[in-house]
Amino acid sequence: MTTADDVRRVAMALPRTEERLVRDRVTFRVGRIVYAAISPDETSMGFGFPREERAALVAAEPEKFHMPRPSDERYHWVRVWLAAIDEAEMRELVEEAWRMAAPKRLAAAHLGERVIRRFR
């Protein structure tokens, strides 16, 4: 079972991450972009995820994933029950959400990837 402390440990290890409390939710952000948030009761976590893929994710594993609150459906966001995932899966979800929010060069440098510059 994954806990809020596990999420905090992984998120705070990612470059430029800040933790903030917003409306009783612990949020993790890069600059102004929130990439993960823990529910006030610490039972679920919202995280950045491609909007066009989230319905398939929820349909494939409804015991783990659920749609965001209606007010958050316009964002690239989905939710997961923390008790339903292990630490490795949580780490992957948090790191991928961070990667969506972080500047491309920062994400590439942290993850050891090469950034290919394109000139127009």
N, C-alpha and C. Protein backbone atom coordinates (compact mmCIF):
# COMPACT_ATOMS: atom_id res chain seq x y z
N MET A 1 0.85 -1.19 0.00
CA MET A 1 0.00 0.00 0.00
C MET A 1 0.88 1.24 0.00
N THR A 2 0.55 2.18 -0.84
CA THR A 2 1.29 3.43 -0.94
C THR A 2 0.66 4.48 -0.03
N THR A 3 1.49 5.29 0.60
CA THR A 3 1.00 6.33 1.50
C THR A 3 1.31 7.72 0.95
N ALA A 4 0.71 8.72 1.56
CA ALA A 4 0.99 10.11 1.18
C ALA A 4 2.46 10.44 1.40
N ASP A 5 3.06 9.89 2.44
CA ASP A 5 4.49 10.13 2.70
C ASP A 5 5.36 9.54 1.59
N ASP A 6 4.95 8.40 1.04
CA ASP A 6 5.69 7.82 -0.09
C ASP A 6 5.63 8.75 -1.30
N VAL A 7 4.44 9.28 -1.58
CA VAL A 7 4.27 10.21 -2.69
C VAL A 7 5.14 11.45 -2.47
N ARG A 8 5.10 11.99 -1.27
CA ARG A 8 5.89 13.19 -0.94
C ARG A 8 7.38 12.94 -1.16
N ARG A 9 7.88 11.80 -0.72
CA ARG A 9 9.29 11.47 -0.86
C ARG A 9 9.71 11.43 -2.32
N VAL A 10 8.90 10.80 -3.16
CA VAL A 10 9.21 10.69 -4.59
C VAL A 10 9.11 12.06 -5.25
N ALA A 11 8.03 12.77 -5.00
CA ALA A 11 7.82 14.06 -5.66
C ALA A 11 8.89 15.08 -5.27
N MET A 12 9.23 15.15 -4.01
CA MET A 12 10.19 16.16 -3.56
C MET A 12 11.61 15.87 -4.04
N ALA A 13 11.86 14.67 -4.53
CA ALA A 13 13.17 14.34 -5.08
C ALA A 13 13.31 14.81 -6.53
N LEU A 14 12.21 15.22 -7.14
CA LEU A 14 12.24 15.68 -8.53
C LEU A 14 12.61 17.15 -8.60
N PRO A 15 13.47 17.53 -9.54
CA PRO A 15 13.96 18.91 -9.63
C PRO A 15 12.83 19.95 -9.73
N ARG A 16 13.05 21.05 -9.04
CA ARG A 16 12.16 22.23 -9.04
C ARG A 16 10.77 21.97 -8.48
N THR A 17 10.57 20.86 -7.82
CA THR A 17 9.26 20.57 -7.23
C THR A 17 9.08 21.38 -5.96
N GLU A 18 7.89 21.93 -5.82
CA GLU A 18 7.48 22.64 -4.61
C GLU A 18 6.23 21.97 -4.07
N GLU A 19 6.13 21.90 -2.77
CA GLU A 19 4.93 21.38 -2.13
C GLU A 19 4.13 22.55 -1.59
N ARG A 20 2.83 22.53 -1.84
CA ARG A 20 1.95 23.58 -1.32
C ARG A 20 0.64 22.95 -0.85
N LEU A 21 0.03 23.60 0.13
CA LEU A 21 -1.29 23.19 0.59
C LEU A 21 -2.31 24.10 -0.07
N VAL A 22 -3.22 23.52 -0.85
CA VAL A 22 -4.25 24.28 -1.56
C VAL A 22 -5.59 23.63 -1.25
N ARG A 23 -6.47 24.38 -0.59
CA ARG A 23 -7.80 23.88 -0.21
C ARG A 23 -7.73 22.50 0.43
N ASP A 24 -6.92 22.38 1.44
CA ASP A 24 -6.75 21.13 2.21
C ASP A 24 -6.12 19.99 1.42
N ARG A 25 -5.61 20.26 0.25
CA ARG A 25 -4.93 19.23 -0.54
C ARG A 25 -3.45 19.56 -0.62
N VAL A 26 -2.62 18.56 -0.41
CA VAL A 26 -1.19 18.72 -0.60
C VAL A 26 -0.95 18.61 -2.10
N THR A 27 -0.33 19.63 -2.67
CA THR A 27 -0.06 19.62 -4.11
C THR A 27 1.44 19.69 -4.36
N PHE A 28 1.85 19.14 -5.47
CA PHE A 28 3.24 19.18 -5.91
C PHE A 28 3.24 19.84 -7.27
N ARG A 29 4.13 20.82 -7.45
CA ARG A 29 4.14 21.61 -8.67
C ARG A 29 5.53 21.92 -9.13
N VAL A 30 5.62 22.23 -10.42
CA VAL A 30 6.82 22.77 -11.03
C VAL A 30 6.39 24.14 -11.54
N GLY A 31 6.94 25.19 -10.96
CA GLY A 31 6.47 26.53 -11.31
C GLY A 31 5.02 26.67 -10.90
N ARG A 32 4.17 27.03 -11.84
CA ARG A 32 2.75 27.19 -11.55
C ARG A 32 1.92 25.97 -11.91
N ILE A 33 2.55 24.94 -12.46
CA ILE A 33 1.82 23.76 -12.93
C ILE A 33 1.82 22.67 -11.87
N VAL A 34 0.63 22.32 -11.41
CA VAL A 34 0.47 21.23 -10.44
C VAL A 34 0.48 19.92 -11.20
N TYR A 35 1.33 19.00 -10.77
CA TYR A 35 1.39 17.71 -11.45
C TYR A 35 0.88 16.55 -10.60
N ALA A 36 0.71 16.77 -9.30
CA ALA A 36 0.16 15.73 -8.43
C ALA A 36 -0.46 16.39 -7.21
N ALA A 37 -1.51 15.76 -6.67
CA ALA A 37 -2.18 16.28 -5.48
C ALA A 37 -2.73 15.10 -4.69
N ILE A 38 -2.65 15.22 -3.39
CA ILE A 38 -3.14 14.17 -2.50
C ILE A 38 -4.44 14.66 -1.88
N SER A 39 -5.45 13.79 -1.84
CA SER A 39 -6.74 14.17 -1.26
C SER A 39 -6.59 14.49 0.22
N PRO A 40 -7.49 15.30 0.78
CA PRO A 40 -7.40 15.65 2.21
C PRO A 40 -7.38 14.43 3.14
N ASP A 41 -8.08 13.36 2.76
CA ASP A 41 -8.09 12.15 3.60
C ASP A 41 -6.95 11.19 3.28
N GLU A 42 -6.10 11.59 2.33
CA GLU A 42 -4.91 10.83 1.92
C GLU A 42 -5.21 9.44 1.37
N THR A 43 -6.40 9.26 0.78
CA THR A 43 -6.74 7.96 0.21
C THR A 43 -6.53 7.92 -1.30
N SER A 44 -6.48 9.08 -1.94
CA SER A 44 -6.28 9.09 -3.39
C SER A 44 -5.32 10.19 -3.80
N MET A 45 -4.83 10.05 -5.02
CA MET A 45 -3.91 11.03 -5.58
C MET A 45 -4.38 11.37 -6.99
N GLY A 46 -4.43 12.66 -7.27
CA GLY A 46 -4.66 13.12 -8.63
C GLY A 46 -3.30 13.37 -9.25
N PHE A 47 -3.19 13.14 -10.56
CA PHE A 47 -1.89 13.35 -11.20
C PHE A 47 -2.10 13.69 -12.67
N GLY A 48 -1.13 14.38 -13.23
CA GLY A 48 -1.18 14.75 -14.63
C GLY A 48 -1.15 13.51 -15.50
N PHE A 49 -2.04 13.51 -16.50
CA PHE A 49 -2.16 12.37 -17.39
C PHE A 49 -2.82 12.86 -18.67
N PRO A 50 -2.42 12.37 -19.84
CA PRO A 50 -3.04 12.84 -21.08
C PRO A 50 -4.56 12.67 -21.07
N ARG A 51 -5.25 13.78 -21.26
CA ARG A 51 -6.71 13.80 -21.18
C ARG A 51 -7.36 12.80 -22.15
N GLU A 52 -6.80 12.68 -23.34
CA GLU A 52 -7.40 11.80 -24.34
C GLU A 52 -7.22 10.31 -24.02
N GLU A 53 -6.37 9.97 -23.07
CA GLU A 53 -6.12 8.57 -22.71
C GLU A 53 -6.75 8.15 -21.38
N ARG A 54 -7.27 9.12 -20.62
CA ARG A 54 -7.71 8.77 -19.25
C ARG A 54 -8.96 7.89 -19.21
N ALA A 55 -9.91 8.06 -20.13
CA ALA A 55 -11.10 7.20 -20.11
C ALA A 55 -10.72 5.74 -20.31
N ALA A 56 -9.77 5.48 -21.19
CA ALA A 56 -9.30 4.11 -21.41
C ALA A 56 -8.61 3.56 -20.17
N LEU A 57 -7.82 4.40 -19.50
CA LEU A 57 -7.13 3.97 -18.28
C LEU A 57 -8.15 3.60 -17.20
N VAL A 58 -9.13 4.45 -16.99
CA VAL A 58 -10.16 4.20 -15.97
C VAL A 58 -10.97 2.95 -16.33
N ALA A 59 -11.32 2.80 -17.59
CA ALA A 59 -12.10 1.63 -18.02
C ALA A 59 -11.30 0.34 -17.87
N ALA A 60 -10.00 0.40 -18.09
CA ALA A 60 -9.16 -0.79 -18.02
C ALA A 60 -8.94 -1.26 -16.58
N GLU A 61 -8.84 -0.31 -15.65
CA GLU A 61 -8.57 -0.67 -14.25
C GLU A 61 -9.40 0.21 -13.30
N PRO A 62 -10.73 0.02 -13.30
CA PRO A 62 -11.59 0.88 -12.47
C PRO A 62 -11.39 0.68 -10.96
N GLU A 63 -10.78 -0.41 -10.58
CA GLU A 63 -10.51 -0.63 -9.15
C GLU A 63 -9.33 0.23 -8.68
N LYS A 64 -8.54 0.73 -9.61
CA LYS A 64 -7.39 1.58 -9.28
C LYS A 64 -7.66 3.05 -9.60
N PHE A 65 -8.12 3.30 -10.81
CA PHE A 65 -8.20 4.67 -11.32
C PHE A 65 -9.64 5.17 -11.38
N HIS A 66 -9.81 6.47 -11.22
CA HIS A 66 -11.12 7.08 -11.37
C HIS A 66 -10.97 8.49 -11.95
N MET A 67 -12.05 8.95 -12.53
CA MET A 67 -12.03 10.26 -13.18
C MET A 67 -11.87 11.36 -12.13
N PRO A 68 -11.34 12.50 -12.55
CA PRO A 68 -11.22 13.62 -11.63
C PRO A 68 -12.59 14.21 -11.30
N ARG A 69 -12.60 15.10 -10.31
CA ARG A 69 -13.83 15.82 -10.00
C ARG A 69 -14.30 16.53 -11.26
N PRO A 70 -15.60 16.73 -11.40
CA PRO A 70 -16.10 17.42 -12.61
C PRO A 70 -15.41 18.75 -12.88
N SER A 71 -15.07 19.49 -11.85
CA SER A 71 -14.40 20.78 -12.05
C SER A 71 -12.98 20.62 -12.59
N ASP A 72 -12.40 19.43 -12.48
CA ASP A 72 -11.04 19.18 -12.96
C ASP A 72 -10.99 18.42 -14.29
N GLU A 73 -12.15 18.07 -14.84
CA GLU A 73 -12.16 17.27 -16.06
C GLU A 73 -11.59 18.00 -17.27
N ARG A 74 -11.53 19.32 -17.21
CA ARG A 74 -10.97 20.07 -18.34
C ARG A 74 -9.45 19.99 -18.39
N TYR A 75 -8.84 19.53 -17.30
CA TYR A 75 -7.38 19.44 -17.22
C TYR A 75 -6.89 18.05 -17.61
N HIS A 76 -5.61 17.94 -17.84
CA HIS A 76 -4.95 16.64 -18.08
C HIS A 76 -4.76 16.02 -16.70
N TRP A 77 -5.76 15.29 -16.21
CA TRP A 77 -5.77 14.86 -14.83
C TRP A 77 -6.58 13.59 -14.68
N VAL A 78 -6.14 12.69 -13.83
CA VAL A 78 -6.87 11.48 -13.46
C VAL A 78 -6.52 11.18 -12.01
N ARG A 79 -7.27 10.29 -11.37
CA ARG A 79 -7.04 9.99 -9.96
C ARG A 79 -6.80 8.49 -9.76
N VAL A 80 -6.11 8.17 -8.68
CA VAL A 80 -5.81 6.78 -8.36
C VAL A 80 -6.00 6.58 -6.85
N TRP A 81 -6.50 5.41 -6.48
CA TRP A 81 -6.60 5.05 -5.06
C TRP A 81 -5.21 4.61 -4.61
N LEU A 82 -4.66 5.26 -3.59
CA LEU A 82 -3.30 4.94 -3.15
C LEU A 82 -3.18 3.51 -2.64
N ALA A 83 -4.22 2.98 -2.01
CA ALA A 83 -4.17 1.61 -1.48
C ALA A 83 -4.12 0.57 -2.59
N ALA A 84 -4.47 0.96 -3.82
CA ALA A 84 -4.54 0.00 -4.92
C ALA A 84 -3.24 -0.11 -5.72
N ILE A 85 -2.25 0.71 -5.39
CA ILE A 85 -0.99 0.67 -6.15
C ILE A 85 0.19 0.46 -5.22
N ASP A 86 1.25 -0.10 -5.79
CA ASP A 86 2.47 -0.29 -4.99
C ASP A 86 3.40 0.90 -5.24
N GLU A 87 4.51 0.91 -4.55
CA GLU A 87 5.42 2.05 -4.63
C GLU A 87 6.01 2.22 -6.03
N ALA A 88 6.31 1.14 -6.71
CA ALA A 88 6.90 1.23 -8.05
C ALA A 88 5.91 1.88 -9.03
N GLU A 89 4.66 1.49 -8.96
CA GLU A 89 3.65 2.08 -9.85
C GLU A 89 3.42 3.55 -9.51
N MET A 90 3.40 3.87 -8.22
CA MET A 90 3.24 5.26 -7.81
C MET A 90 4.39 6.11 -8.32
N ARG A 91 5.60 5.60 -8.20
CA ARG A 91 6.78 6.33 -8.68
C ARG A 91 6.66 6.61 -10.17
N GLU A 92 6.25 5.62 -10.93
CA GLU A 92 6.10 5.81 -12.37
C GLU A 92 5.04 6.87 -12.69
N LEU A 93 3.91 6.84 -12.00
CA LEU A 93 2.84 7.82 -12.23
C LEU A 93 3.30 9.23 -11.88
N VAL A 94 3.96 9.38 -10.74
CA VAL A 94 4.43 10.70 -10.30
C VAL A 94 5.51 11.23 -11.24
N GLU A 95 6.45 10.40 -11.60
CA GLU A 95 7.53 10.85 -12.49
C GLU A 95 7.00 11.23 -13.87
N GLU A 96 6.06 10.47 -14.40
CA GLU A 96 5.49 10.82 -15.70
C GLU A 96 4.66 12.10 -15.63
N ALA A 97 3.94 12.29 -14.54
CA ALA A 97 3.18 13.54 -14.37
C ALA A 97 4.14 14.72 -14.25
N TRP A 98 5.23 14.55 -13.51
CA TRP A 98 6.24 15.60 -13.39
C TRP A 98 6.82 15.92 -14.76
N ARG A 99 7.09 14.89 -15.52
CA ARG A 99 7.68 15.07 -16.85
C ARG A 99 6.77 15.91 -17.76
N MET A 100 5.44 15.74 -17.62
CA MET A 100 4.49 16.54 -18.40
C MET A 100 4.54 18.01 -17.99
N ALA A 101 4.84 18.28 -16.71
CA ALA A 101 4.80 19.65 -16.18
C ALA A 101 6.14 20.36 -16.28
N ALA A 102 7.22 19.63 -16.22
CA ALA A 102 8.56 20.23 -16.17
C ALA A 102 8.99 20.72 -17.55
N PRO A 103 9.86 21.74 -17.57
CA PRO A 103 10.43 22.15 -18.86
C PRO A 103 11.13 20.96 -19.52
N LYS A 104 11.04 20.87 -20.83
CA LYS A 104 11.57 19.70 -21.55
C LYS A 104 13.05 19.45 -21.27
N ARG A 105 13.85 20.49 -21.27
CA ARG A 105 15.29 20.31 -21.03
C ARG A 105 15.56 19.80 -19.61
N LEU A 106 14.83 20.31 -18.64
CA LEU A 106 14.99 19.86 -17.26
C LEU A 106 14.62 18.39 -17.14
N ALA A 107 13.48 18.02 -17.72
CA ALA A 107 13.04 16.62 -17.66
C ALA A 107 14.04 15.71 -18.35
N ALA A 108 14.52 16.11 -19.51
CA ALA A 108 15.49 15.29 -20.24
C ALA A 108 16.79 15.15 -19.46
N ALA A 109 17.27 16.24 -18.88
CA ALA A 109 18.51 16.18 -18.11
C ALA A 109 18.36 15.27 -16.89
N HIS A 110 17.22 15.38 -16.21
CA HIS A 110 17.00 14.57 -15.01
C HIS A 110 16.84 13.09 -15.36
N LEU A 111 16.19 12.81 -16.46
CA LEU A 111 15.93 11.43 -16.84
C LEU A 111 17.02 10.84 -17.73
N GLY A 112 18.07 11.64 -18.00
CA GLY A 112 19.21 11.14 -18.77
C GLY A 112 18.92 10.95 -20.24
N GLU A 113 18.06 11.79 -20.79
CA GLU A 113 17.73 11.68 -22.20
C GLU A 113 18.39 12.81 -22.97
N ARG A 114 18.50 12.61 -24.26
CA ARG A 114 19.00 13.66 -25.14
C ARG A 114 17.85 14.49 -25.65
N VAL A 115 18.03 15.79 -25.64
CA VAL A 115 17.03 16.68 -26.21
C VAL A 115 17.47 17.02 -27.62
N ILE A 116 16.60 16.80 -28.58
CA ILE A 116 16.90 17.13 -29.96
C ILE A 116 16.29 18.49 -30.25
N ARG A 117 17.14 19.43 -30.59
CA ARG A 117 16.68 20.77 -30.89
C ARG A 117 16.25 20.84 -32.34
N ARG A 118 15.12 21.46 -32.53
CA ARG A 118 14.63 21.65 -33.89
C ARG A 118 14.60 23.12 -34.21
N PHE A 119 15.12 23.45 -35.36
CA PHE A 119 15.10 24.84 -35.82
C PHE A 119 14.06 24.96 -36.93
N ARG A 120 13.35 26.03 -36.89
CA ARG A 120 12.36 26.28 -37.95
C ARG A 120 12.85 27.32 -38.88
